[in-house]
Amino acid sequence: MEGKIKYEFSGKVWQHRSPGGWHFVSLPIKMAAEIRENMKWQEEGWGRLKAIACIGTLQWDTAIWFDKKANTYILPLKAKIRGQASIQADQNLNVVLWL
């Protein structure tokens, strides 16, 4: 991705506790701290940073959100994405992000 910074990490899929809760992957805290230090000025409301995500061969436009309680960014995984990539809760994923 031209003009974008590439980040690669592995993380476990988790589901928010609310009924029908969203699924997410948390970025490593050290990586999130680096991103926040260098890109916080680009954040939109609620700590949102536009991103392009890639899991396997599936790539999509999305955003990461800063979670103050966890002190890291989280990547939401919509049902459509989970279905296309056969992603389940508690699964370990290799993720590539371009910010």
N, C-alpha and C. Protein backbone atom coordinates (compact mmCIF):
# COMPACT_ATOMS: atom_id res chain seq x y z
N MET A 1 0.85 -1.18 0.00
CA MET A 1 0.00 0.00 0.00
C MET A 1 0.89 1.24 0.00
N GLU A 2 0.87 1.93 -1.07
CA GLU A 2 1.72 3.11 -1.21
C GLU A 2 1.32 4.19 -0.21
N GLY A 3 2.31 4.75 0.47
CA GLY A 3 2.08 5.84 1.41
C GLY A 3 1.51 5.39 2.76
N LYS A 4 1.37 4.12 2.96
CA LYS A 4 0.84 3.59 4.22
C LYS A 4 1.95 2.89 4.99
N ILE A 5 1.78 2.85 6.32
CA ILE A 5 2.73 2.13 7.16
C ILE A 5 2.14 0.74 7.43
N LYS A 6 2.97 -0.27 7.24
CA LYS A 6 2.52 -1.66 7.38
C LYS A 6 2.85 -2.18 8.78
N TYR A 7 1.87 -2.80 9.40
CA TYR A 7 2.04 -3.45 10.71
C TYR A 7 1.56 -4.89 10.59
N GLU A 8 2.32 -5.83 11.13
CA GLU A 8 1.94 -7.23 11.13
C GLU A 8 1.95 -7.75 12.56
N PHE A 9 0.93 -8.52 12.91
CA PHE A 9 0.88 -9.08 14.26
C PHE A 9 -0.02 -10.33 14.26
N SER A 10 0.08 -11.08 15.34
CA SER A 10 -0.80 -12.22 15.57
C SER A 10 -1.61 -11.93 16.82
N GLY A 11 -2.85 -12.37 16.82
CA GLY A 11 -3.69 -12.15 17.99
C GLY A 11 -4.85 -13.11 18.00
N LYS A 12 -5.46 -13.24 19.17
CA LYS A 12 -6.60 -14.15 19.36
C LYS A 12 -7.90 -13.36 19.20
N VAL A 13 -8.84 -13.94 18.47
CA VAL A 13 -10.16 -13.34 18.29
C VAL A 13 -10.93 -13.44 19.60
N TRP A 14 -11.55 -12.32 20.01
CA TRP A 14 -12.39 -12.34 21.21
C TRP A 14 -13.71 -11.65 20.90
N GLN A 15 -14.72 -12.02 21.67
CA GLN A 15 -16.05 -11.48 21.45
C GLN A 15 -16.46 -10.62 22.64
N HIS A 16 -17.05 -9.45 22.35
CA HIS A 16 -17.55 -8.57 23.41
C HIS A 16 -18.65 -9.30 24.17
N ARG A 17 -18.74 -9.05 25.46
CA ARG A 17 -19.66 -9.77 26.34
C ARG A 17 -21.14 -9.52 26.06
N SER A 18 -21.49 -8.43 25.41
CA SER A 18 -22.91 -8.12 25.19
C SER A 18 -23.55 -9.18 24.28
N PRO A 19 -24.88 -9.38 24.41
CA PRO A 19 -25.55 -10.37 23.55
C PRO A 19 -25.31 -10.04 22.06
N GLY A 20 -24.89 -11.03 21.31
CA GLY A 20 -24.59 -10.78 19.89
C GLY A 20 -23.39 -9.87 19.70
N GLY A 21 -22.51 -9.82 20.71
CA GLY A 21 -21.38 -8.88 20.72
C GLY A 21 -20.44 -9.04 19.54
N TRP A 22 -19.84 -7.94 19.18
CA TRP A 22 -18.87 -7.91 18.09
C TRP A 22 -17.66 -8.76 18.41
N HIS A 23 -16.95 -9.18 17.37
CA HIS A 23 -15.68 -9.89 17.50
C HIS A 23 -14.54 -8.93 17.17
N PHE A 24 -13.43 -9.09 17.88
CA PHE A 24 -12.28 -8.19 17.71
C PHE A 24 -10.98 -8.97 17.79
N VAL A 25 -9.91 -8.33 17.33
CA VAL A 25 -8.55 -8.77 17.59
C VAL A 25 -7.84 -7.55 18.16
N SER A 26 -7.17 -7.72 19.29
CA SER A 26 -6.42 -6.62 19.92
C SER A 26 -5.01 -6.57 19.37
N LEU A 27 -4.53 -5.37 19.12
CA LEU A 27 -3.14 -5.20 18.70
C LEU A 27 -2.23 -5.37 19.91
N PRO A 28 -1.00 -5.84 19.70
CA PRO A 28 -0.06 -5.91 20.81
C PRO A 28 0.12 -4.51 21.43
N ILE A 29 0.20 -4.45 22.75
CA ILE A 29 0.24 -3.17 23.45
C ILE A 29 1.43 -2.31 23.01
N LYS A 30 2.59 -2.94 22.84
CA LYS A 30 3.77 -2.18 22.43
C LYS A 30 3.56 -1.57 21.03
N MET A 31 2.98 -2.32 20.12
CA MET A 31 2.69 -1.83 18.77
C MET A 31 1.67 -0.69 18.84
N ALA A 32 0.64 -0.86 19.66
CA ALA A 32 -0.39 0.17 19.80
C ALA A 32 0.20 1.46 20.35
N ALA A 33 1.12 1.34 21.30
CA ALA A 33 1.76 2.54 21.87
C ALA A 33 2.53 3.29 20.80
N GLU A 34 3.24 2.56 19.94
CA GLU A 34 4.00 3.19 18.85
C GLU A 34 3.05 3.88 17.87
N ILE A 35 1.96 3.20 17.52
CA ILE A 35 0.99 3.78 16.60
C ILE A 35 0.38 5.04 17.20
N ARG A 36 -0.01 4.96 18.46
CA ARG A 36 -0.67 6.10 19.12
C ARG A 36 0.30 7.28 19.21
N GLU A 37 1.55 7.01 19.51
CA GLU A 37 2.54 8.08 19.63
C GLU A 37 2.73 8.81 18.29
N ASN A 38 2.74 8.05 17.21
CA ASN A 38 3.02 8.64 15.91
C ASN A 38 1.79 9.07 15.11
N MET A 39 0.62 8.52 15.43
CA MET A 39 -0.54 8.78 14.59
C MET A 39 -1.77 9.29 15.32
N LYS A 40 -1.65 9.58 16.62
CA LYS A 40 -2.81 10.05 17.38
C LYS A 40 -3.45 11.28 16.74
N TRP A 41 -2.65 12.12 16.12
CA TRP A 41 -3.18 13.33 15.48
C TRP A 41 -4.13 13.00 14.33
N GLN A 42 -4.09 11.77 13.82
CA GLN A 42 -4.98 11.37 12.73
C GLN A 42 -6.26 10.70 13.23
N GLU A 43 -6.35 10.47 14.54
CA GLU A 43 -7.53 9.81 15.08
C GLU A 43 -8.77 10.66 14.90
N GLU A 44 -9.87 9.97 14.63
CA GLU A 44 -11.17 10.62 14.57
C GLU A 44 -11.86 10.36 15.90
N GLY A 45 -13.16 10.56 15.98
CA GLY A 45 -13.89 10.36 17.23
C GLY A 45 -13.66 8.99 17.84
N TRP A 46 -13.60 8.93 19.16
CA TRP A 46 -13.43 7.70 19.94
C TRP A 46 -12.14 6.95 19.59
N GLY A 47 -11.10 7.65 19.19
CA GLY A 47 -9.81 7.01 18.93
C GLY A 47 -9.78 6.16 17.68
N ARG A 48 -10.57 6.53 16.69
CA ARG A 48 -10.68 5.76 15.44
C ARG A 48 -9.59 6.15 14.46
N LEU A 49 -8.91 5.14 13.91
CA LEU A 49 -7.91 5.35 12.86
C LEU A 49 -8.31 4.51 11.65
N LYS A 50 -8.41 5.14 10.50
CA LYS A 50 -8.73 4.39 9.28
C LYS A 50 -7.59 3.42 8.96
N ALA A 51 -7.96 2.26 8.43
CA ALA A 51 -6.98 1.21 8.17
C ALA A 51 -7.43 0.34 7.01
N ILE A 52 -6.49 -0.38 6.46
CA ILE A 52 -6.77 -1.47 5.53
C ILE A 52 -6.25 -2.72 6.23
N ALA A 53 -7.11 -3.73 6.34
CA ALA A 53 -6.73 -4.96 7.03
C ALA A 53 -6.64 -6.10 6.04
N CYS A 54 -5.79 -7.06 6.36
CA CYS A 54 -5.64 -8.26 5.53
C CYS A 54 -5.45 -9.46 6.45
N ILE A 55 -6.30 -10.48 6.24
CA ILE A 55 -6.18 -11.75 6.93
C ILE A 55 -6.21 -12.81 5.84
N GLY A 56 -5.13 -13.54 5.70
CA GLY A 56 -5.02 -14.50 4.60
C GLY A 56 -5.06 -13.75 3.27
N THR A 57 -5.98 -14.13 2.40
CA THR A 57 -6.11 -13.46 1.10
C THR A 57 -7.21 -12.41 1.12
N LEU A 58 -7.90 -12.26 2.25
CA LEU A 58 -9.01 -11.31 2.37
C LEU A 58 -8.50 -9.95 2.82
N GLN A 59 -8.82 -8.92 2.06
CA GLN A 59 -8.40 -7.55 2.39
C GLN A 59 -9.62 -6.65 2.36
N TRP A 60 -9.71 -5.71 3.34
CA TRP A 60 -10.86 -4.81 3.37
C TRP A 60 -10.51 -3.49 4.05
N ASP A 61 -11.30 -2.45 3.72
CA ASP A 61 -11.18 -1.14 4.35
C ASP A 61 -11.91 -1.19 5.68
N THR A 62 -11.27 -0.67 6.71
CA THR A 62 -11.85 -0.74 8.06
C THR A 62 -11.26 0.38 8.90
N ALA A 63 -11.28 0.21 10.19
CA ALA A 63 -10.66 1.14 11.14
C ALA A 63 -10.28 0.36 12.39
N ILE A 64 -9.31 0.87 13.11
CA ILE A 64 -9.00 0.35 14.44
C ILE A 64 -9.44 1.41 15.44
N TRP A 65 -9.79 0.98 16.62
CA TRP A 65 -10.31 1.87 17.66
C TRP A 65 -9.46 1.72 18.90
N PHE A 66 -9.17 2.85 19.57
CA PHE A 66 -8.37 2.77 20.80
C PHE A 66 -9.28 2.44 21.97
N ASP A 67 -8.96 1.35 22.67
CA ASP A 67 -9.69 0.90 23.84
C ASP A 67 -8.91 1.34 25.08
N LYS A 68 -9.42 2.35 25.78
CA LYS A 68 -8.70 2.90 26.93
C LYS A 68 -8.54 1.88 28.06
N LYS A 69 -9.54 1.01 28.25
CA LYS A 69 -9.45 0.02 29.33
C LYS A 69 -8.33 -0.98 29.07
N ALA A 70 -8.18 -1.40 27.81
CA ALA A 70 -7.14 -2.38 27.45
C ALA A 70 -5.83 -1.72 27.07
N ASN A 71 -5.87 -0.39 26.89
CA ASN A 71 -4.69 0.39 26.51
C ASN A 71 -4.08 -0.09 25.18
N THR A 72 -4.96 -0.42 24.24
CA THR A 72 -4.51 -0.85 22.92
C THR A 72 -5.60 -0.57 21.89
N TYR A 73 -5.25 -0.70 20.64
CA TYR A 73 -6.24 -0.60 19.58
C TYR A 73 -6.88 -1.97 19.37
N ILE A 74 -8.13 -1.95 18.91
CA ILE A 74 -8.83 -3.18 18.58
C ILE A 74 -9.32 -3.09 17.13
N LEU A 75 -9.24 -4.22 16.46
CA LEU A 75 -9.70 -4.35 15.08
C LEU A 75 -11.02 -5.11 15.09
N PRO A 76 -12.14 -4.45 14.68
CA PRO A 76 -13.41 -5.17 14.63
C PRO A 76 -13.46 -6.12 13.44
N LEU A 77 -14.09 -7.27 13.66
CA LEU A 77 -14.25 -8.28 12.61
C LEU A 77 -15.74 -8.48 12.38
N LYS A 78 -16.29 -7.82 11.38
CA LYS A 78 -17.72 -7.92 11.07
C LYS A 78 -18.08 -9.36 10.70
N ALA A 79 -19.36 -9.70 10.86
CA ALA A 79 -19.84 -11.04 10.54
C ALA A 79 -19.51 -11.42 9.10
N LYS A 80 -19.63 -10.48 8.18
CA LYS A 80 -19.34 -10.76 6.77
C LYS A 80 -17.88 -11.19 6.59
N ILE A 81 -16.97 -10.49 7.24
CA ILE A 81 -15.54 -10.81 7.17
C ILE A 81 -15.27 -12.16 7.82
N ARG A 82 -15.85 -12.39 9.00
CA ARG A 82 -15.65 -13.67 9.70
C ARG A 82 -16.15 -14.83 8.84
N GLY A 83 -17.27 -14.65 8.18
CA GLY A 83 -17.81 -15.70 7.33
C GLY A 83 -16.93 -15.96 6.12
N GLN A 84 -16.47 -14.89 5.46
CA GLN A 84 -15.64 -15.05 4.27
C GLN A 84 -14.31 -15.72 4.58
N ALA A 85 -13.77 -15.46 5.79
CA ALA A 85 -12.46 -16.02 6.15
C ALA A 85 -12.57 -17.19 7.13
N SER A 86 -13.79 -17.64 7.41
CA SER A 86 -14.03 -18.75 8.36
C SER A 86 -13.35 -18.49 9.70
N ILE A 87 -13.58 -17.31 10.27
CA ILE A 87 -12.96 -16.91 11.53
C ILE A 87 -13.92 -17.20 12.68
N GLN A 88 -13.37 -17.79 13.75
CA GLN A 88 -14.14 -18.13 14.95
C GLN A 88 -13.53 -17.44 16.18
N ALA A 89 -14.34 -17.26 17.21
CA ALA A 89 -13.84 -16.73 18.48
C ALA A 89 -12.75 -17.66 19.01
N ASP A 90 -11.77 -17.11 19.67
CA ASP A 90 -10.62 -17.80 20.27
C ASP A 90 -9.62 -18.32 19.24
N GLN A 91 -9.84 -18.01 17.98
CA GLN A 91 -8.90 -18.42 16.92
C GLN A 91 -7.73 -17.44 16.89
N ASN A 92 -6.52 -17.96 16.68
CA ASN A 92 -5.36 -17.09 16.50
C ASN A 92 -5.27 -16.69 15.04
N LEU A 93 -5.07 -15.39 14.80
CA LEU A 93 -5.01 -14.86 13.44
C LEU A 93 -3.70 -14.13 13.21
N ASN A 94 -3.21 -14.20 11.99
CA ASN A 94 -2.11 -13.35 11.55
C ASN A 94 -2.76 -12.21 10.77
N VAL A 95 -2.49 -10.98 11.21
CA VAL A 95 -3.13 -9.81 10.65
C VAL A 95 -2.09 -8.86 10.07
N VAL A 96 -2.40 -8.28 8.92
CA VAL A 96 -1.58 -7.21 8.35
C VAL A 96 -2.47 -5.99 8.30
N LEU A 97 -1.97 -4.87 8.80
CA LEU A 97 -2.69 -3.59 8.77
C LEU A 97 -1.84 -2.57 8.03
N TRP A 98 -2.50 -1.73 7.25
CA TRP A 98 -1.86 -0.56 6.67
C TRP A 98 -2.58 0.66 7.21
N LEU A 99 -1.82 1.56 7.82
CA LEU A 99 -2.39 2.79 8.40
C LEU A 99 -1.83 4.01 7.68
